[in-house]
Amino acid sequence: MNAIRILAVAFLAVAPVLAQAPNDPFPTPINATDGVVTVNVVEFATLPDLGGPMPSRPMLLVDEPGTQRLFVNDMRGPLYAIPRPSTGSGRPELVEGRGGKTVTL
């Protein structure tokens, strides 16, 4: 019985050393210019500041397929409707919740 315990302790002492073989998953350096994805970004609308020390904080941008508008909500509460760049001025409209009332800023 003692021999089994000694073998178990010896196995548990040696197993972690054997399990952590140092091998490099990337033996050759990865070329930084291979497979580069280029993204062109154009700013087409700016949300107005709500006042106070912090600027607006957009959280989610959702496309409404039938209206040619984008809806974006602010972390501080308001919901804005933004016309697509090809269809309108790009000025955000504040969307009120009651009766579908919209106020243009």
Protein backbone atom coordinates (compact mmCIF):
# COMPACT_ATOMS: atom_id res chain seq x y z
CA MET A 1 0.00 0.00 0.00
CA ASN A 2 2.86 2.34 0.81
CA ALA A 3 4.45 1.61 -2.56
CA ILE A 4 1.28 2.75 -4.36
CA ARG A 5 1.23 5.97 -2.37
CA ILE A 6 4.89 6.63 -3.12
CA LEU A 7 4.32 6.02 -6.85
CA ALA A 8 1.24 8.29 -6.82
CA VAL A 9 3.16 11.09 -5.08
CA ALA A 10 6.09 10.66 -7.49
CA PHE A 11 3.74 10.77 -10.46
CA LEU A 12 1.99 13.89 -9.16
CA ALA A 13 5.36 15.58 -8.61
CA VAL A 14 6.70 14.77 -12.10
CA ALA A 15 3.49 15.24 -14.16
CA PRO A 16 3.36 19.08 -14.02
CA VAL A 17 6.98 19.33 -15.16
CA LEU A 18 6.31 17.09 -18.17
CA ALA A 19 2.99 18.75 -19.01
CA GLN A 20 4.46 22.23 -19.47
CA ALA A 21 6.79 21.67 -22.37
CA PRO A 22 7.91 25.08 -23.67
CA ASN A 23 6.93 25.25 -27.33
CA ASP A 24 6.44 28.40 -29.39
CA PRO A 25 3.15 28.37 -31.35
CA PHE A 26 4.62 30.93 -33.78
CA PRO A 27 8.22 29.87 -34.42
CA THR A 28 8.55 32.33 -37.30
CA PRO A 29 7.41 35.96 -36.86
CA ILE A 30 4.07 36.93 -38.38
CA ASN A 31 4.40 39.48 -41.16
CA ALA A 32 2.52 42.66 -40.17
CA THR A 33 1.53 43.51 -43.76
CA ASP A 34 -0.06 40.19 -44.77
CA GLY A 35 -3.86 40.11 -44.75
CA VAL A 36 -4.27 43.73 -43.63
CA VAL A 37 -7.86 44.98 -43.76
CA THR A 38 -8.28 48.67 -44.61
CA VAL A 39 -11.41 50.44 -43.42
CA ASN A 40 -12.47 53.88 -44.64
CA VAL A 41 -14.51 55.80 -42.06
CA VAL A 42 -16.53 58.91 -42.89
CA GLU A 43 -18.28 60.91 -40.19
CA PHE A 44 -21.72 61.88 -41.48
CA ALA A 45 -23.57 62.93 -38.33
CA THR A 46 -22.78 64.26 -34.87
CA LEU A 47 -25.08 63.87 -31.90
CA PRO A 48 -25.72 67.13 -30.04
CA ASP A 49 -24.45 67.61 -26.51
CA LEU A 50 -27.13 67.37 -23.85
CA GLY A 51 -25.44 69.94 -21.66
CA GLY A 52 -23.36 69.32 -18.62
CA PRO A 53 -19.77 68.18 -18.38
CA MET A 54 -20.13 65.01 -20.48
CA PRO A 55 -20.69 64.77 -24.25
CA SER A 56 -23.30 62.50 -25.81
CA ARG A 57 -22.57 58.80 -25.50
CA PRO A 58 -24.08 56.76 -28.36
CA MET A 59 -24.66 53.14 -27.52
CA LEU A 60 -26.43 51.32 -30.36
CA LEU A 61 -26.99 52.12 -34.04
CA VAL A 62 -29.94 50.37 -35.71
CA ASP A 63 -30.93 50.51 -39.38
CA GLU A 64 -34.66 50.93 -40.13
CA PRO A 65 -35.07 49.40 -43.60
CA GLY A 66 -38.32 51.07 -44.70
CA THR A 67 -37.62 54.65 -43.63
CA GLN A 68 -34.05 55.26 -44.87
CA ARG A 69 -33.11 56.35 -41.34
CA LEU A 70 -30.71 55.15 -38.70
CA PHE A 71 -31.70 55.18 -35.05
CA VAL A 72 -29.12 55.66 -32.30
CA ASN A 73 -29.73 55.74 -28.57
CA ASP A 74 -27.68 57.72 -26.10
CA MET A 75 -26.58 56.24 -22.76
CA ARG A 76 -28.12 59.23 -21.05
CA GLY A 77 -31.63 58.54 -22.43
CA PRO A 78 -32.49 60.22 -25.74
CA LEU A 79 -33.19 58.36 -28.98
CA TYR A 80 -32.12 60.03 -32.22
CA ALA A 81 -33.23 59.39 -35.82
CA ILE A 82 -30.47 60.12 -38.35
CA PRO A 83 -31.29 60.31 -42.07
CA ARG A 84 -28.94 58.45 -44.38
CA PRO A 85 -26.15 60.60 -45.86
CA SER A 86 -27.56 60.24 -49.38
CA THR A 87 -31.14 61.22 -48.43
CA GLY A 88 -30.88 64.12 -46.00
CA SER A 89 -28.78 66.71 -44.26
CA GLY A 90 -27.40 64.26 -41.70
CA ARG A 91 -28.74 66.35 -38.81
CA PRO A 92 -30.03 64.11 -36.01
CA GLU A 93 -33.65 64.42 -34.91
CA LEU A 94 -34.60 63.89 -31.29
CA VAL A 95 -37.42 61.32 -31.15
CA GLU A 96 -39.89 61.79 -28.32
CA GLY A 97 -41.73 58.77 -26.92
CA ARG A 98 -45.32 60.04 -26.78
CA GLY A 99 -47.43 60.13 -29.92
CA GLY A 100 -44.52 59.78 -32.32
CA LYS A 101 -43.68 63.47 -31.87
CA THR A 102 -40.33 64.47 -33.42
CA VAL A 103 -38.36 67.59 -32.64
CA THR A 104 -35.70 68.69 -35.15
CA LEU A 105 -32.54 70.02 -33.57
